[in-house]
């Protein structure tokens, strides 16, 4: 999201990894309060990690933040771009963070 990045751990010796990882990204406060459109994109890039050959792209899923309503969670499969075929399952929750008072 924007310039923010996160990286999962690599899974060895599997063609069907299950990551079960959670990452958090801070969005522009103006977008969260509805003062401006939340038109950013969450990009999820998948790579094959092999010790014998260079990393190869398995595709990219692009999720417009406008598709994830504030306070909601979406849980579905996304098509991968940049490859002939492929999908990735994502659960995306969009929450407004508040500071303790």
C-alpha atoms as a PDB file:
ATOM      1  CA  UNK A   1       0.000   0.000   0.000  1.00  0.00           C
ATOM      2  CA  UNK A   2       1.720   3.155  -1.165  1.00  0.00           C
ATOM      3  CA  UNK A   3       5.368   2.872  -0.168  1.00  0.00           C
ATOM      4  CA  UNK A   4       4.621   0.526   2.751  1.00  0.00           C
ATOM      5  CA  UNK A   5       5.790  -3.049   2.284  1.00  0.00           C
ATOM      6  CA  UNK A   6       5.705  -6.321   4.190  1.00  0.00           C
ATOM      7  CA  UNK A   7       7.286  -9.661   3.420  1.00  0.00           C
ATOM      8  CA  UNK A   8       6.103 -13.106   4.429  1.00  0.00           C
ATOM      9  CA  UNK A   9       8.364 -15.948   5.357  1.00  0.00           C
ATOM     10  CA  UNK A  10       9.352 -18.456   2.669  1.00  0.00           C
ATOM     11  CA  UNK A  11       7.793 -21.930   2.634  1.00  0.00           C
ATOM     12  CA  UNK A  12      10.087 -24.758   1.581  1.00  0.00           C
ATOM     13  CA  UNK A  13       9.185 -27.900  -0.355  1.00  0.00           C
ATOM     14  CA  UNK A  14       5.509 -27.180  -1.042  1.00  0.00           C
ATOM     15  CA  UNK A  15       3.419 -26.341  -4.075  1.00  0.00           C
ATOM     16  CA  UNK A  16       0.496 -25.158  -1.923  1.00  0.00           C
ATOM     17  CA  UNK A  17       1.830 -22.977   0.903  1.00  0.00           C
ATOM     18  CA  UNK A  18      -0.511 -21.637   3.588  1.00  0.00           C
ATOM     19  CA  UNK A  19       0.904 -18.447   5.017  1.00  0.00           C
ATOM     20  CA  UNK A  20      -1.585 -17.567   7.761  1.00  0.00           C
ATOM     21  CA  UNK A  21       0.226 -14.256   8.310  1.00  0.00           C
ATOM     22  CA  UNK A  22      -1.143 -10.847   9.227  1.00  0.00           C
ATOM     23  CA  UNK A  23       0.245  -7.524   8.034  1.00  0.00           C
ATOM     24  CA  UNK A  24      -0.943  -4.033   8.915  1.00  0.00           C
ATOM     25  CA  UNK A  25      -0.660  -0.873   6.851  1.00  0.00           C
ATOM     26  CA  UNK A  26      -1.523   2.673   7.901  1.00  0.00           C
ATOM     27  CA  UNK A  27      -3.647   4.532   5.386  1.00  0.00           C
ATOM     28  CA  UNK A  28      -3.812   8.266   4.989  1.00  0.00           C
ATOM     29  CA  UNK A  29      -6.021   9.609   7.795  1.00  0.00           C
ATOM     30  CA  UNK A  30      -7.926  11.778   5.326  1.00  0.00           C
ATOM     31  CA  UNK A  31      -8.896   8.693   3.335  1.00  0.00           C
ATOM     32  CA  UNK A  32     -10.012   6.869   6.484  1.00  0.00           C
ATOM     33  CA  UNK A  33     -12.299   9.696   7.587  1.00  0.00           C
ATOM     34  CA  UNK A  34     -13.846   9.936   4.118  1.00  0.00           C
ATOM     35  CA  UNK A  35     -12.409  13.405   3.444  1.00  0.00           C
ATOM     36  CA  UNK A  36     -10.786  12.110   0.246  1.00  0.00           C
ATOM     37  CA  UNK A  37     -11.371   9.037  -1.889  1.00  0.00           C
ATOM     38  CA  UNK A  38      -9.439   5.972  -0.823  1.00  0.00           C
ATOM     39  CA  UNK A  39      -8.144   5.147  -4.285  1.00  0.00           C
ATOM     40  CA  UNK A  40      -4.969   3.351  -3.287  1.00  0.00           C
ATOM     41  CA  UNK A  41      -4.205  -0.230  -4.201  1.00  0.00           C
ATOM     42  CA  UNK A  42      -3.019  -3.187  -2.169  1.00  0.00           C
ATOM     43  CA  UNK A  43      -0.559  -5.111  -4.342  1.00  0.00           C
ATOM     44  CA  UNK A  44       0.311  -8.688  -3.390  1.00  0.00           C
ATOM     45  CA  UNK A  45       3.262 -10.104  -5.316  1.00  0.00           C
ATOM     46  CA  UNK A  46       3.950 -13.834  -5.240  1.00  0.00           C
ATOM     47  CA  UNK A  47       7.390 -15.292  -5.883  1.00  0.00           C
ATOM     48  CA  UNK A  48       8.840 -18.762  -6.222  1.00  0.00           C
ATOM     49  CA  UNK A  49      11.894 -18.998  -3.985  1.00  0.00           C
ATOM     50  CA  UNK A  50      14.401 -21.654  -4.993  1.00  0.00           C
ATOM     51  CA  UNK A  51      17.978 -22.010  -3.839  1.00  0.00           C
ATOM     52  CA  UNK A  52      19.185 -23.309  -7.223  1.00  0.00           C
ATOM     53  CA  UNK A  53      17.537 -20.784  -9.551  1.00  0.00           C
ATOM     54  CA  UNK A  54      16.717 -17.059  -9.356  1.00  0.00           C
ATOM     55  CA  UNK A  55      13.379 -16.086  -7.824  1.00  0.00           C
ATOM     56  CA  UNK A  56      10.556 -16.174 -10.384  1.00  0.00           C
ATOM     57  CA  UNK A  57       7.344 -14.166 -10.296  1.00  0.00           C
ATOM     58  CA  UNK A  58       4.191 -16.232  -9.797  1.00  0.00           C
ATOM     59  CA  UNK A  59       1.963 -13.220 -10.415  1.00  0.00           C
ATOM     60  CA  UNK A  60       0.476 -10.197  -8.715  1.00  0.00           C
ATOM     61  CA  UNK A  61      -2.953  -9.503  -7.223  1.00  0.00           C
ATOM     62  CA  UNK A  62      -4.068  -5.868  -7.182  1.00  0.00           C
ATOM     63  CA  UNK A  63      -6.904  -4.948  -4.812  1.00  0.00           C
ATOM     64  CA  UNK A  64      -8.295  -1.400  -4.996  1.00  0.00           C
ATOM     65  CA  UNK A  65      -8.851  -0.115  -1.462  1.00  0.00           C
ATOM     66  CA  UNK A  66     -12.177   1.279  -2.618  1.00  0.00           C
ATOM     67  CA  UNK A  67     -13.323  -2.395  -2.925  1.00  0.00           C
ATOM     68  CA  UNK A  68     -12.807  -2.882   0.828  1.00  0.00           C
ATOM     69  CA  UNK A  69     -15.351  -0.834   2.803  1.00  0.00           C
ATOM     70  CA  UNK A  70     -14.212   0.686   6.101  1.00  0.00           C
ATOM     71  CA  UNK A  71     -15.062  -1.625   8.970  1.00  0.00           C
ATOM     72  CA  UNK A  72     -15.503  -4.622   6.647  1.00  0.00           C
ATOM     73  CA  UNK A  73     -13.576  -7.793   5.917  1.00  0.00           C
ATOM     74  CA  UNK A  74     -13.439  -9.418   2.507  1.00  0.00           C
ATOM     75  CA  UNK A  75     -12.416 -13.056   2.180  1.00  0.00           C
ATOM     76  CA  UNK A  76     -12.037 -14.358  -1.367  1.00  0.00           C
ATOM     77  CA  UNK A  77      -9.806 -15.588  -4.163  1.00  0.00           C
ATOM     78  CA  UNK A  78      -8.134 -13.010  -6.421  1.00  0.00           C
ATOM     79  CA  UNK A  79      -6.872 -13.662  -9.939  1.00  0.00           C
ATOM     80  CA  UNK A  80      -3.157 -13.182 -10.485  1.00  0.00           C
ATOM     81  CA  UNK A  81      -2.013 -10.822 -13.209  1.00  0.00           C
ATOM     82  CA  UNK A  82       1.153 -11.158 -15.246  1.00  0.00           C
ATOM     83  CA  UNK A  83       0.795 -14.938 -15.595  1.00  0.00           C
ATOM     84  CA  UNK A  84      -1.327 -17.295 -17.696  1.00  0.00           C
ATOM     85  CA  UNK A  85      -3.361 -18.429 -14.714  1.00  0.00           C
ATOM     86  CA  UNK A  86      -3.315 -18.404 -10.965  1.00  0.00           C
ATOM     87  CA  UNK A  87      -5.233 -17.250  -7.911  1.00  0.00           C
ATOM     88  CA  UNK A  88      -4.399 -16.237  -4.363  1.00  0.00           C
ATOM     89  CA  UNK A  89      -6.740 -16.368  -1.378  1.00  0.00           C
ATOM     90  CA  UNK A  90      -6.722 -13.204   0.729  1.00  0.00           C
ATOM     91  CA  UNK A  91      -8.630 -12.082   3.797  1.00  0.00           C
ATOM     92  CA  UNK A  92      -8.487  -8.288   3.988  1.00  0.00           C
ATOM     93  CA  UNK A  93      -9.880  -6.326   6.927  1.00  0.00           C
ATOM     94  CA  UNK A  94     -10.075  -2.549   6.890  1.00  0.00           C
ATOM     95  CA  UNK A  95     -10.232  -0.979  10.308  1.00  0.00           C
ATOM     96  CA  UNK A  96      -9.987   2.532  11.691  1.00  0.00           C
ATOM     97  CA  UNK A  97      -7.384   2.765  14.421  1.00  0.00           C
ATOM     98  CA  UNK A  98      -8.000   5.026  17.364  1.00  0.00           C
ATOM     99  CA  UNK A  99      -5.524   6.110  19.999  1.00  0.00           C
ATOM    100  CA  UNK A 100      -6.233   5.410  23.669  1.00  0.00           C
ATOM    101  CA  UNK A 101      -7.506   8.353  25.651  1.00  0.00           C
END
